[in-house]
């Protein structure tokens, strides 16, 4: 009988982008149980991260994007709840997908829970940190709303959050 492969080394770490006008770290802090479903992902690679790699307990860098000062605004964790994204079936939603059906959903959502709000670690500050030079969110052309974060990048971000912001 073949040996079972060992379980993956959870938790992993992720950066999840959200436009603060839509869902901000303050929305997450005010939500019941400080938990929200992460809906509206419409990129197959990001969806596949949710489906295949993200697990409850994984760490999340909650990133504000498409705003005056983008950057990491808090820490969160994956709280579970992987299921079909409800917005794909709502014709009034900007995330409606006419080709998706309840029997064959194309898009997923999961629950994200606040760990703590942090000072804003601005994108410009992240770009100045040599230890974050290879971070996926800082690479040219990266538009993914969910990206993996290495353990070294995670630790570097946590260390930067302990420092005063750059002037």
N, C-alpha and C. Protein backbone atom coordinates (compact mmCIF):
# COMPACT_ATOMS: atom_id res chain seq x y z
N UNK A 1 0.85 -1.18 0.00
CA UNK A 1 0.00 0.00 0.00
C UNK A 1 0.90 1.25 0.00
N UNK A 2 0.70 2.19 -0.95
CA UNK A 2 1.56 3.38 -1.00
C UNK A 2 1.31 4.29 0.20
N UNK A 3 2.37 4.96 0.60
CA UNK A 3 2.24 5.92 1.69
C UNK A 3 1.49 7.15 1.23
N UNK A 4 0.67 7.66 2.10
CA UNK A 4 -0.05 8.90 1.78
C UNK A 4 0.94 10.06 1.78
N UNK A 5 0.73 11.00 0.88
CA UNK A 5 1.62 12.16 0.86
C UNK A 5 1.33 13.02 2.08
N UNK A 6 2.36 13.69 2.60
CA UNK A 6 2.14 14.52 3.79
C UNK A 6 1.25 15.71 3.47
N UNK A 7 0.53 16.21 4.45
CA UNK A 7 -0.33 17.37 4.20
C UNK A 7 0.52 18.60 3.87
N UNK A 8 -0.04 19.53 3.11
CA UNK A 8 0.72 20.74 2.80
C UNK A 8 1.05 21.52 4.07
N UNK A 9 2.10 22.30 4.03
CA UNK A 9 2.53 23.04 5.24
C UNK A 9 1.69 24.29 5.47
N UNK A 10 0.49 24.13 5.99
CA UNK A 10 -0.35 25.30 6.30
C UNK A 10 0.16 25.92 7.58
N UNK A 11 -0.03 27.16 7.85
CA UNK A 11 -0.72 28.08 6.96
C UNK A 11 0.20 28.68 5.89
N UNK A 12 -0.41 29.01 4.80
CA UNK A 12 0.24 29.78 3.76
C UNK A 12 -0.03 31.24 4.03
N UNK A 13 0.52 32.08 3.19
CA UNK A 13 0.30 33.52 3.31
C UNK A 13 -0.11 34.08 1.96
N UNK A 14 -1.01 35.07 2.00
CA UNK A 14 -1.58 35.63 0.79
C UNK A 14 -1.69 37.14 0.91
N UNK A 15 -1.70 37.79 -0.22
CA UNK A 15 -2.07 39.20 -0.30
C UNK A 15 -3.38 39.24 -1.07
N UNK A 16 -4.39 39.88 -0.48
CA UNK A 16 -5.69 39.98 -1.12
C UNK A 16 -6.03 41.45 -1.28
N UNK A 17 -6.28 41.85 -2.54
CA UNK A 17 -6.57 43.24 -2.86
C UNK A 17 -8.07 43.50 -2.83
N UNK A 18 -8.42 44.66 -2.32
CA UNK A 18 -9.81 45.12 -2.36
C UNK A 18 -9.81 46.63 -2.51
N UNK A 19 -10.74 47.12 -3.30
CA UNK A 19 -10.90 48.57 -3.41
C UNK A 19 -11.63 49.04 -2.15
N UNK A 20 -11.04 49.98 -1.40
CA UNK A 20 -11.66 50.36 -0.12
C UNK A 20 -13.05 50.98 -0.28
N UNK A 21 -13.37 51.52 -1.44
CA UNK A 21 -14.73 52.04 -1.65
C UNK A 21 -15.74 50.89 -1.69
N UNK A 22 -15.26 49.68 -2.03
CA UNK A 22 -16.14 48.52 -2.10
C UNK A 22 -16.11 47.73 -0.79
N UNK A 23 -14.91 47.28 -0.39
CA UNK A 23 -14.73 46.59 0.89
C UNK A 23 -13.37 47.01 1.45
N UNK A 24 -13.39 47.73 2.55
CA UNK A 24 -12.17 48.20 3.19
C UNK A 24 -11.89 47.39 4.45
N UNK A 25 -10.72 47.63 5.02
CA UNK A 25 -10.39 47.00 6.30
C UNK A 25 -11.40 47.44 7.37
N UNK A 26 -11.92 48.67 7.26
CA UNK A 26 -12.93 49.13 8.22
C UNK A 26 -14.26 48.39 8.03
N UNK A 27 -14.61 48.06 6.79
CA UNK A 27 -15.81 47.24 6.56
C UNK A 27 -15.65 45.88 7.23
N UNK A 28 -14.45 45.30 7.07
CA UNK A 28 -14.18 44.00 7.68
C UNK A 28 -14.27 44.10 9.20
N UNK A 29 -13.71 45.16 9.78
CA UNK A 29 -13.73 45.34 11.24
C UNK A 29 -15.16 45.51 11.76
N UNK A 30 -16.03 46.09 10.95
CA UNK A 30 -17.41 46.35 11.38
C UNK A 30 -18.36 45.19 11.08
N UNK A 31 -17.92 44.21 10.34
CA UNK A 31 -18.79 43.09 9.94
C UNK A 31 -19.07 42.18 11.14
N UNK A 32 -20.22 41.50 11.13
CA UNK A 32 -20.50 40.54 12.21
C UNK A 32 -19.39 39.50 12.30
N UNK A 33 -18.86 39.31 13.50
CA UNK A 33 -17.76 38.38 13.69
C UNK A 33 -16.48 38.82 13.00
N UNK A 34 -16.46 40.06 12.55
CA UNK A 34 -15.32 40.62 11.79
C UNK A 34 -14.91 39.68 10.66
N UNK A 35 -15.94 39.13 10.01
CA UNK A 35 -15.75 38.16 8.92
C UNK A 35 -16.65 38.54 7.75
N UNK A 36 -16.09 38.48 6.55
CA UNK A 36 -16.85 38.76 5.33
C UNK A 36 -16.56 37.70 4.28
N UNK A 37 -17.55 37.42 3.42
CA UNK A 37 -17.26 36.57 2.27
C UNK A 37 -16.46 37.37 1.24
N UNK A 38 -15.43 36.76 0.68
CA UNK A 38 -14.60 37.41 -0.34
C UNK A 38 -15.21 37.06 -1.69
N UNK A 39 -15.99 37.97 -2.22
CA UNK A 39 -16.72 37.74 -3.46
C UNK A 39 -16.12 38.59 -4.59
N UNK A 40 -16.57 38.31 -5.80
CA UNK A 40 -16.22 39.14 -6.94
C UNK A 40 -14.91 38.80 -7.62
N UNK A 41 -14.25 37.72 -7.24
CA UNK A 41 -13.02 37.32 -7.91
C UNK A 41 -13.39 36.79 -9.29
N UNK A 42 -12.86 37.44 -10.33
CA UNK A 42 -13.18 37.04 -11.70
C UNK A 42 -11.92 36.82 -12.53
N UNK A 43 -10.95 36.21 -11.92
CA UNK A 43 -9.73 35.82 -12.60
C UNK A 43 -9.51 34.35 -12.27
N UNK A 44 -9.27 33.54 -13.28
CA UNK A 44 -9.17 32.10 -13.04
C UNK A 44 -7.99 31.73 -12.16
N UNK A 45 -6.85 32.39 -12.31
CA UNK A 45 -5.71 32.05 -11.46
C UNK A 45 -6.00 32.37 -9.99
N UNK A 46 -6.60 33.54 -9.72
CA UNK A 46 -6.96 33.89 -8.34
C UNK A 46 -8.02 32.92 -7.82
N UNK A 47 -8.99 32.57 -8.65
CA UNK A 47 -10.01 31.60 -8.24
C UNK A 47 -9.36 30.26 -7.89
N UNK A 48 -8.38 29.85 -8.69
CA UNK A 48 -7.72 28.57 -8.44
C UNK A 48 -6.91 28.60 -7.14
N UNK A 49 -6.32 29.75 -6.80
CA UNK A 49 -5.67 29.86 -5.49
C UNK A 49 -6.70 29.59 -4.39
N UNK A 50 -7.87 30.20 -4.52
CA UNK A 50 -8.92 30.01 -3.51
C UNK A 50 -9.32 28.54 -3.42
N UNK A 51 -9.50 27.92 -4.56
CA UNK A 51 -9.99 26.55 -4.62
C UNK A 51 -8.93 25.53 -4.20
N UNK A 52 -7.68 25.72 -4.67
CA UNK A 52 -6.69 24.67 -4.55
C UNK A 52 -5.66 24.86 -3.44
N UNK A 53 -5.47 26.10 -3.00
CA UNK A 53 -4.34 26.33 -2.10
C UNK A 53 -4.71 27.03 -0.79
N UNK A 54 -5.75 27.84 -0.79
CA UNK A 54 -6.07 28.60 0.43
C UNK A 54 -6.85 27.72 1.40
N UNK A 55 -6.45 27.81 2.66
CA UNK A 55 -7.07 26.99 3.70
C UNK A 55 -7.33 27.83 4.94
N UNK A 56 -8.32 27.44 5.76
CA UNK A 56 -8.55 28.15 7.02
C UNK A 56 -7.26 28.24 7.83
N UNK A 57 -7.03 29.43 8.37
CA UNK A 57 -5.84 29.67 9.15
C UNK A 57 -4.72 30.33 8.37
N UNK A 58 -4.81 30.32 7.04
CA UNK A 58 -3.79 31.00 6.23
C UNK A 58 -3.82 32.49 6.52
N UNK A 59 -2.65 33.11 6.54
CA UNK A 59 -2.54 34.54 6.80
C UNK A 59 -2.82 35.37 5.56
N UNK A 60 -3.40 36.55 5.77
CA UNK A 60 -3.76 37.45 4.67
C UNK A 60 -3.24 38.85 4.96
N UNK A 61 -2.58 39.43 3.97
CA UNK A 61 -2.27 40.85 3.97
C UNK A 61 -3.43 41.52 3.24
N UNK A 62 -4.20 42.31 3.96
CA UNK A 62 -5.39 42.97 3.39
C UNK A 62 -4.91 44.26 2.74
N UNK A 63 -5.00 44.32 1.42
CA UNK A 63 -4.40 45.38 0.62
C UNK A 63 -5.48 46.26 0.00
N UNK A 64 -5.39 47.56 0.23
CA UNK A 64 -6.28 48.52 -0.42
C UNK A 64 -5.70 48.88 -1.78
N UNK A 65 -6.49 48.71 -2.84
CA UNK A 65 -6.03 49.02 -4.19
C UNK A 65 -6.96 50.04 -4.84
N UNK A 66 -6.51 50.57 -5.97
CA UNK A 66 -7.32 51.52 -6.76
C UNK A 66 -7.85 52.64 -5.88
N UNK A 67 -6.94 53.25 -5.12
CA UNK A 67 -7.32 54.34 -4.23
C UNK A 67 -6.18 55.35 -4.20
N UNK A 68 -6.37 56.45 -3.49
CA UNK A 68 -5.37 57.51 -3.43
C UNK A 68 -4.02 57.01 -2.94
N UNK A 69 -4.02 56.17 -1.90
CA UNK A 69 -2.76 55.62 -1.39
C UNK A 69 -2.93 54.12 -1.17
N UNK A 70 -2.57 53.32 -2.19
CA UNK A 70 -2.69 51.87 -2.04
C UNK A 70 -1.66 51.33 -1.07
N UNK A 71 -2.01 50.21 -0.44
CA UNK A 71 -1.07 49.56 0.46
C UNK A 71 -1.77 48.58 1.38
N UNK A 72 -0.98 47.96 2.25
CA UNK A 72 -1.49 46.99 3.20
C UNK A 72 -2.12 47.74 4.37
N UNK A 73 -3.39 47.45 4.64
CA UNK A 73 -4.14 48.16 5.67
C UNK A 73 -4.44 47.31 6.89
N UNK A 74 -4.13 46.01 6.82
CA UNK A 74 -4.41 45.15 7.96
C UNK A 74 -4.03 43.72 7.70
N UNK A 75 -4.18 42.93 8.74
CA UNK A 75 -3.93 41.49 8.69
C UNK A 75 -5.25 40.77 8.90
N UNK A 76 -5.40 39.69 8.17
CA UNK A 76 -6.62 38.88 8.26
C UNK A 76 -6.21 37.42 8.14
N UNK A 77 -7.20 36.55 8.17
CA UNK A 77 -6.94 35.13 7.97
C UNK A 77 -8.09 34.52 7.19
N UNK A 78 -7.78 33.44 6.52
CA UNK A 78 -8.83 32.69 5.84
C UNK A 78 -9.62 31.96 6.92
N UNK A 79 -10.93 32.16 6.88
CA UNK A 79 -11.80 31.58 7.91
C UNK A 79 -12.62 30.42 7.37
N UNK A 80 -12.42 30.05 6.11
CA UNK A 80 -13.16 28.92 5.54
C UNK A 80 -14.28 29.39 4.66
N UNK A 81 -15.29 28.56 4.56
CA UNK A 81 -16.48 28.92 3.83
C UNK A 81 -16.36 28.85 2.32
N UNK A 82 -15.44 28.05 1.77
CA UNK A 82 -15.32 27.95 0.32
C UNK A 82 -16.62 27.43 -0.26
N UNK A 83 -17.19 28.21 -1.17
CA UNK A 83 -18.46 27.86 -1.79
C UNK A 83 -18.61 28.67 -3.07
N UNK A 84 -19.63 28.38 -3.88
CA UNK A 84 -19.86 29.20 -5.07
C UNK A 84 -20.10 30.65 -4.67
N UNK A 85 -19.52 31.56 -5.43
CA UNK A 85 -19.70 33.00 -5.21
C UNK A 85 -21.14 33.36 -5.54
N UNK A 86 -21.86 33.86 -4.56
CA UNK A 86 -23.28 34.18 -4.75
C UNK A 86 -23.50 35.32 -5.74
N UNK A 87 -22.52 36.20 -5.91
CA UNK A 87 -22.72 37.36 -6.80
C UNK A 87 -22.79 36.95 -8.27
N UNK A 88 -22.26 35.80 -8.63
CA UNK A 88 -22.29 35.37 -10.04
C UNK A 88 -23.70 35.06 -10.52
N UNK A 89 -24.62 34.80 -9.59
CA UNK A 89 -26.00 34.46 -9.94
C UNK A 89 -26.96 35.64 -9.84
N UNK A 90 -26.48 36.78 -9.35
CA UNK A 90 -27.31 37.96 -9.11
C UNK A 90 -27.21 38.92 -10.29
N UNK A 91 -28.26 38.99 -11.09
CA UNK A 91 -28.22 39.82 -12.31
C UNK A 91 -28.06 41.30 -12.00
N UNK A 92 -28.32 41.72 -10.77
CA UNK A 92 -28.14 43.12 -10.39
C UNK A 92 -26.71 43.41 -9.94
N UNK A 93 -25.90 42.38 -9.78
CA UNK A 93 -24.53 42.55 -9.30
C UNK A 93 -23.58 42.87 -10.45
N UNK A 94 -22.58 43.72 -10.21
CA UNK A 94 -21.57 43.94 -11.24
C UNK A 94 -20.73 42.68 -11.50
N UNK A 95 -20.84 41.68 -10.63
CA UNK A 95 -20.09 40.43 -10.78
C UNK A 95 -20.93 39.29 -11.35
N UNK A 96 -22.12 39.64 -11.86
CA UNK A 96 -23.01 38.66 -12.48
C UNK A 96 -22.30 37.98 -13.65
N UNK A 97 -22.49 36.67 -13.76
CA UNK A 97 -21.93 35.90 -14.87
C UNK A 97 -23.05 35.05 -15.46
N UNK A 98 -23.55 35.46 -16.61
CA UNK A 98 -24.68 34.79 -17.24
C UNK A 98 -24.35 33.35 -17.62
N UNK A 99 -23.08 33.02 -17.79
CA UNK A 99 -22.69 31.67 -18.19
C UNK A 99 -22.54 30.73 -17.00
N UNK A 100 -22.64 31.26 -15.80
CA UNK A 100 -22.49 30.45 -14.60
C UNK A 100 -23.87 30.05 -14.08
N UNK A 101 -23.99 28.82 -13.66
CA UNK A 101 -25.26 28.34 -13.10
C UNK A 101 -25.00 27.70 -11.73
N UNK A 102 -26.04 27.61 -10.90
CA UNK A 102 -25.84 26.93 -9.61
C UNK A 102 -25.35 25.49 -9.77
N UNK A 103 -25.74 24.84 -10.86
CA UNK A 103 -25.29 23.46 -11.10
C UNK A 103 -23.83 23.42 -11.55
N UNK A 104 -23.39 24.48 -12.24
CA UNK A 104 -22.01 24.55 -12.72
C UNK A 104 -21.46 25.96 -12.48
N UNK A 105 -21.19 26.29 -11.22
CA UNK A 105 -20.64 27.62 -10.92
C UNK A 105 -19.21 27.75 -11.43
N UNK A 106 -18.85 28.95 -11.87
CA UNK A 106 -17.48 29.20 -12.34
C UNK A 106 -16.63 29.89 -11.29
N UNK A 107 -17.28 30.57 -10.35
CA UNK A 107 -16.56 31.44 -9.42
C UNK A 107 -16.80 31.02 -7.98
N UNK A 108 -15.81 31.26 -7.12
CA UNK A 108 -15.87 30.85 -5.73
C UNK A 108 -15.70 32.04 -4.80
N UNK A 109 -16.12 31.85 -3.57
CA UNK A 109 -15.88 32.81 -2.51
C UNK A 109 -15.44 32.04 -1.28
N UNK A 110 -14.76 32.74 -0.39
CA UNK A 110 -14.42 32.16 0.91
C UNK A 110 -14.51 33.27 1.94
N UNK A 111 -14.49 32.90 3.19
CA UNK A 111 -14.62 33.87 4.27
C UNK A 111 -13.25 34.34 4.74
N UNK A 112 -13.17 35.65 4.99
CA UNK A 112 -11.95 36.29 5.50
C UNK A 112 -12.31 36.94 6.83
N UNK A 113 -11.46 36.72 7.85
CA UNK A 113 -11.69 37.26 9.19
C UNK A 113 -10.55 38.19 9.57
N UNK A 114 -10.90 39.32 10.17
CA UNK A 114 -9.92 40.29 10.62
C UNK A 114 -9.06 39.72 11.73
N UNK A 115 -7.75 39.93 11.64
CA UNK A 115 -6.84 39.67 12.74
C UNK A 115 -6.57 41.00 13.44
N UNK A 116 -6.12 42.00 12.67
CA UNK A 116 -5.99 43.34 13.22
C UNK A 116 -5.78 44.35 12.11
N UNK A 117 -6.29 45.53 12.36
CA UNK A 117 -6.04 46.66 11.48
C UNK A 117 -4.62 47.14 11.80
N UNK A 118 -3.89 47.59 10.79
CA UNK A 118 -2.53 48.07 10.98
C UNK A 118 -2.43 49.49 10.44
N UNK A 119 -1.29 50.09 10.66
CA UNK A 119 -1.02 51.33 9.94
C UNK A 119 -0.96 50.97 8.46
N UNK A 120 -1.16 51.94 7.61
CA UNK A 120 -1.06 51.68 6.18
C UNK A 120 0.41 51.51 5.80
N UNK A 121 0.74 50.37 5.26
CA UNK A 121 2.07 50.14 4.68
C UNK A 121 1.91 50.44 3.20
N UNK A 122 2.23 51.68 2.84
CA UNK A 122 1.96 52.18 1.50
C UNK A 122 2.78 51.45 0.44
N UNK A 123 2.23 51.37 -0.74
CA UNK A 123 2.90 50.75 -1.87
C UNK A 123 4.28 51.38 -2.10
N UNK A 124 4.37 52.69 -2.00
CA UNK A 124 5.65 53.37 -2.21
C UNK A 124 6.67 52.92 -1.16
N UNK A 125 6.23 52.68 0.06
CA UNK A 125 7.12 52.19 1.12
C UNK A 125 7.53 50.74 0.85
N UNK A 126 6.60 49.94 0.38
CA UNK A 126 6.90 48.55 0.05
C UNK A 126 7.95 48.48 -1.05
N UNK A 127 7.84 49.36 -2.03
CA UNK A 127 8.80 49.39 -3.15
C UNK A 127 10.22 49.74 -2.70
N UNK A 128 10.35 50.42 -1.59
CA UNK A 128 11.66 50.83 -1.08
C UNK A 128 12.32 49.76 -0.21
N UNK A 129 11.61 48.70 0.10
CA UNK A 129 12.14 47.64 0.97
C UNK A 129 12.79 46.56 0.11
N UNK A 130 14.11 46.44 0.14
CA UNK A 130 14.80 45.44 -0.70
C UNK A 130 14.31 44.02 -0.46
N UNK A 131 13.92 43.71 0.78
CA UNK A 131 13.46 42.35 1.09
C UNK A 131 12.11 42.02 0.45
N UNK A 132 11.43 43.02 -0.11
CA UNK A 132 10.16 42.79 -0.80
C UNK A 132 10.29 42.90 -2.32
N UNK A 133 11.51 43.03 -2.83
CA UNK A 133 11.72 43.26 -4.27
C UNK A 133 11.08 42.20 -5.15
N UNK A 134 11.00 40.96 -4.69
CA UNK A 134 10.42 39.91 -5.52
C UNK A 134 8.94 39.66 -5.23
N UNK A 135 8.36 40.43 -4.33
CA UNK A 135 6.95 40.24 -3.98
C UNK A 135 6.08 40.43 -5.23
N UNK A 136 5.17 39.51 -5.45
CA UNK A 136 4.40 39.49 -6.69
C UNK A 136 3.61 40.77 -6.91
N UNK A 137 3.05 41.35 -5.86
CA UNK A 137 2.24 42.56 -6.02
C UNK A 137 3.08 43.73 -6.54
N UNK A 138 4.39 43.68 -6.36
CA UNK A 138 5.26 44.76 -6.79
C UNK A 138 5.81 44.58 -8.21
N UNK A 139 5.48 43.47 -8.84
CA UNK A 139 6.00 43.20 -10.17
C UNK A 139 5.17 43.92 -11.24
N UNK A 140 5.86 44.42 -12.25
CA UNK A 140 5.19 45.10 -13.36
C UNK A 140 4.16 44.19 -14.00
N UNK A 141 3.00 44.76 -14.28
CA UNK A 141 1.95 44.02 -14.96
C UNK A 141 1.11 43.13 -14.07
N UNK A 142 1.45 43.02 -12.79
CA UNK A 142 0.65 42.17 -11.91
C UNK A 142 -0.70 42.82 -11.64
N UNK A 143 -1.77 42.13 -11.96
CA UNK A 143 -3.11 42.65 -11.74
C UNK A 143 -3.96 41.68 -10.92
N UNK A 144 -3.36 40.59 -10.46
CA UNK A 144 -4.12 39.61 -9.71
C UNK A 144 -4.61 40.18 -8.38
N UNK A 145 -5.83 39.84 -8.01
CA UNK A 145 -6.39 40.31 -6.74
C UNK A 145 -5.96 39.44 -5.57
N UNK A 146 -5.45 38.25 -5.85
CA UNK A 146 -4.94 37.36 -4.81
C UNK A 146 -3.59 36.85 -5.28
N UNK A 147 -2.57 37.04 -4.45
CA UNK A 147 -1.24 36.54 -4.79
C UNK A 147 -0.62 35.86 -3.57
N UNK A 148 0.19 34.84 -3.81
CA UNK A 148 0.89 34.20 -2.69
C UNK A 148 1.97 35.11 -2.15
N UNK A 149 2.26 34.95 -0.87
CA UNK A 149 3.30 35.70 -0.18
C UNK A 149 4.24 34.67 0.45
N UNK A 150 5.53 34.81 0.22
CA UNK A 150 6.48 33.85 0.80
C UNK A 150 6.60 34.10 2.30
N UNK A 151 7.06 33.10 3.04
CA UNK A 151 7.29 33.32 4.48
C UNK A 151 8.25 34.48 4.75
N UNK A 152 9.30 34.64 3.93
CA UNK A 152 10.24 35.74 4.13
C UNK A 152 9.56 37.09 3.88
N UNK A 153 8.73 37.16 2.84
CA UNK A 153 8.00 38.41 2.56
C UNK A 153 7.02 38.72 3.70
N UNK A 154 6.34 37.70 4.19
CA UNK A 154 5.40 37.87 5.31
C UNK A 154 6.12 38.46 6.52
N UNK A 155 7.26 37.88 6.86
CA UNK A 155 8.03 38.36 8.02
C UNK A 155 8.54 39.79 7.78
N UNK A 156 8.95 40.09 6.56
CA UNK A 156 9.43 41.43 6.23
C UNK A 156 8.31 42.45 6.37
N UNK A 157 7.12 42.10 5.90
CA UNK A 157 5.97 43.02 6.03
C UNK A 157 5.66 43.25 7.51
N UNK A 158 5.63 42.17 8.29
CA UNK A 158 5.35 42.33 9.73
C UNK A 158 6.38 43.23 10.38
N UNK A 159 7.64 43.10 10.01
CA UNK A 159 8.69 43.97 10.57
C UNK A 159 8.48 45.41 10.14
N UNK A 160 8.15 45.64 8.89
CA UNK A 160 7.91 47.01 8.41
C UNK A 160 6.71 47.64 9.11
N UNK A 161 5.70 46.84 9.41
CA UNK A 161 4.51 47.37 10.09
C UNK A 161 4.84 47.85 11.51
N UNK A 162 5.92 47.33 12.09
CA UNK A 162 6.34 47.73 13.43
C UNK A 162 7.11 49.06 13.42
N UNK A 163 7.56 49.47 12.24
CA UNK A 163 8.33 50.70 12.12
C UNK A 163 7.42 51.88 11.83
N UNK A 164 7.93 53.06 12.07
CA UNK A 164 7.19 54.28 11.71
C UNK A 164 7.15 54.38 10.19
N UNK A 165 6.06 54.93 9.65
CA UNK A 165 5.98 55.07 8.19
C UNK A 165 7.07 56.03 7.68
N UNK A 166 7.47 55.78 6.44
CA UNK A 166 8.42 56.68 5.79
C UNK A 166 7.74 58.01 5.53
N UNK A 167 8.50 59.07 5.63
CA UNK A 167 7.95 60.42 5.40
C UNK A 167 7.76 60.68 3.93
